[in-house]
Amino acid sequence: MKDDREEPLTQVKSQNSASLTEGRNRLTPLDEVEENKKAKVIDIQGGWGEKRRLSQMGIHPGDVVTVVRYGALGGPMVIEVHGFQLALGRGVASQVFVEEVAE
């Protein structure tokens, strides 16, 4: 007899990430925002070290960031937050979930 309370870890993770994309306002990863578009940071996924590093760089939930440009051949992307330009790797940027802001 199977216990319905036990779920594989991968199923739980997929449900958590799916909840970020459901609802009225669709959240997208920062690395999918087009150049010269503004977006508001809603959530940061990842471990405590990654969240701390992004916080030290000035990226917090509620901040508005602008995607300045993408690096060639899948290189880092350049964003602007609080008047400063920062380079973020695509892996880190994919864990920052944003909501696009009308300009």
Protein backbone atom coordinates (compact mmCIF):
# COMPACT_ATOMS: atom_id res chain seq x y z
CA MET A 1 0.00 0.00 0.00
CA LYS A 2 1.45 3.32 -1.08
CA ASP A 3 1.49 6.22 1.34
CA ASP A 4 0.18 9.35 -0.44
CA ARG A 5 2.09 11.65 1.89
CA GLU A 6 5.47 10.58 0.52
CA GLU A 7 6.49 12.46 -2.62
CA PRO A 8 9.76 12.19 -4.48
CA LEU A 9 12.03 15.20 -3.97
CA THR A 10 12.01 16.04 -7.69
CA GLN A 11 8.21 16.23 -7.68
CA VAL A 12 8.25 18.62 -4.72
CA LYS A 13 10.86 20.85 -6.43
CA SER A 14 8.88 20.95 -9.67
CA GLN A 15 5.73 21.93 -7.78
CA ASN A 16 7.59 24.79 -6.06
CA SER A 17 8.96 26.18 -9.33
CA ALA A 18 5.58 25.74 -11.01
CA SER A 19 3.93 27.86 -8.33
CA LEU A 20 6.22 30.75 -9.32
CA THR A 21 4.87 30.77 -12.85
CA GLU A 22 1.18 30.42 -12.02
CA GLY A 23 -1.24 33.16 -11.17
CA ARG A 24 -2.23 36.51 -12.55
CA ASN A 25 1.29 37.89 -13.09
CA ARG A 26 3.65 35.45 -14.73
CA LEU A 27 7.13 35.48 -13.23
CA THR A 28 10.09 34.94 -15.51
CA PRO A 29 13.74 34.28 -14.77
CA LEU A 30 15.91 37.37 -15.12
CA ASP A 31 17.98 35.76 -17.87
CA GLU A 32 14.87 35.64 -20.12
CA VAL A 33 14.12 39.39 -19.97
CA GLU A 34 14.94 41.25 -23.19
CA GLU A 35 17.67 43.89 -23.37
CA ASN A 36 16.72 47.45 -22.30
CA LYS A 37 13.65 46.18 -20.42
CA LYS A 38 12.91 46.86 -16.76
CA ALA A 39 11.77 44.21 -14.33
CA LYS A 40 10.89 44.06 -10.64
CA VAL A 41 12.59 41.37 -8.56
CA ILE A 42 9.94 39.19 -6.92
CA ASP A 43 11.83 36.17 -5.59
CA ILE A 44 15.35 34.78 -5.42
CA GLN A 45 15.70 31.00 -5.50
CA GLY A 46 18.86 29.22 -4.46
CA GLY A 47 20.87 28.65 -1.34
CA TRP A 48 21.59 31.08 1.46
CA GLY A 49 25.04 31.86 0.02
CA GLU A 50 23.62 32.92 -3.32
CA LYS A 51 20.92 35.03 -1.68
CA ARG A 52 23.50 36.68 0.56
CA ARG A 53 25.82 37.43 -2.38
CA LEU A 54 23.02 38.99 -4.41
CA SER A 55 21.93 41.00 -1.38
CA GLN A 56 25.47 42.33 -0.96
CA MET A 57 25.44 43.31 -4.63
CA GLY A 58 22.25 45.30 -4.02
CA ILE A 59 19.69 42.93 -5.55
CA HIS A 60 16.70 42.44 -3.25
CA PRO A 61 13.05 41.47 -3.76
CA GLY A 62 11.15 44.63 -4.71
CA ASP A 63 14.07 46.26 -6.56
CA VAL A 64 13.67 47.31 -10.19
CA VAL A 65 16.50 46.19 -12.46
CA THR A 66 17.25 46.99 -16.10
CA VAL A 67 18.84 44.44 -18.42
CA VAL A 68 21.58 46.38 -20.20
CA ARG A 69 23.04 43.66 -22.44
CA TYR A 70 23.86 39.98 -22.79
CA GLY A 71 27.38 38.67 -23.21
CA ALA A 72 28.36 36.93 -26.41
CA LEU A 73 28.21 33.14 -26.66
CA GLY A 74 26.18 32.71 -23.49
CA GLY A 75 28.44 34.86 -21.35
CA PRO A 76 27.36 36.94 -18.38
CA MET A 77 24.63 39.52 -18.63
CA VAL A 78 24.95 43.14 -17.51
CA ILE A 79 22.15 44.62 -15.42
CA GLU A 80 21.63 47.99 -13.80
CA VAL A 81 20.29 48.26 -10.25
CA HIS A 82 20.33 51.35 -8.00
CA GLY A 83 22.35 53.22 -10.65
CA PHE A 84 25.17 50.64 -10.76
CA GLN A 85 25.92 48.18 -13.53
CA LEU A 86 26.63 44.60 -12.48
CA ALA A 87 27.58 41.47 -14.40
CA LEU A 88 25.65 38.31 -13.51
CA GLY A 89 26.28 34.82 -14.80
CA ARG A 90 23.37 33.21 -16.59
CA GLY A 91 23.06 30.49 -13.94
CA VAL A 92 22.67 33.03 -11.15
CA ALA A 93 20.31 35.18 -13.24
CA SER A 94 18.11 32.17 -13.96
CA GLN A 95 17.34 31.89 -10.24
CA VAL A 96 16.19 35.49 -9.88
CA PHE A 97 12.48 35.62 -10.71
CA VAL A 98 11.11 38.93 -11.93
CA GLU A 99 7.95 40.56 -13.20
CA GLU A 100 8.33 42.84 -16.20
CA VAL A 101 7.53 46.49 -15.55
CA ALA A 102 5.90 48.79 -18.11
CA GLU A 103 8.14 51.74 -18.89
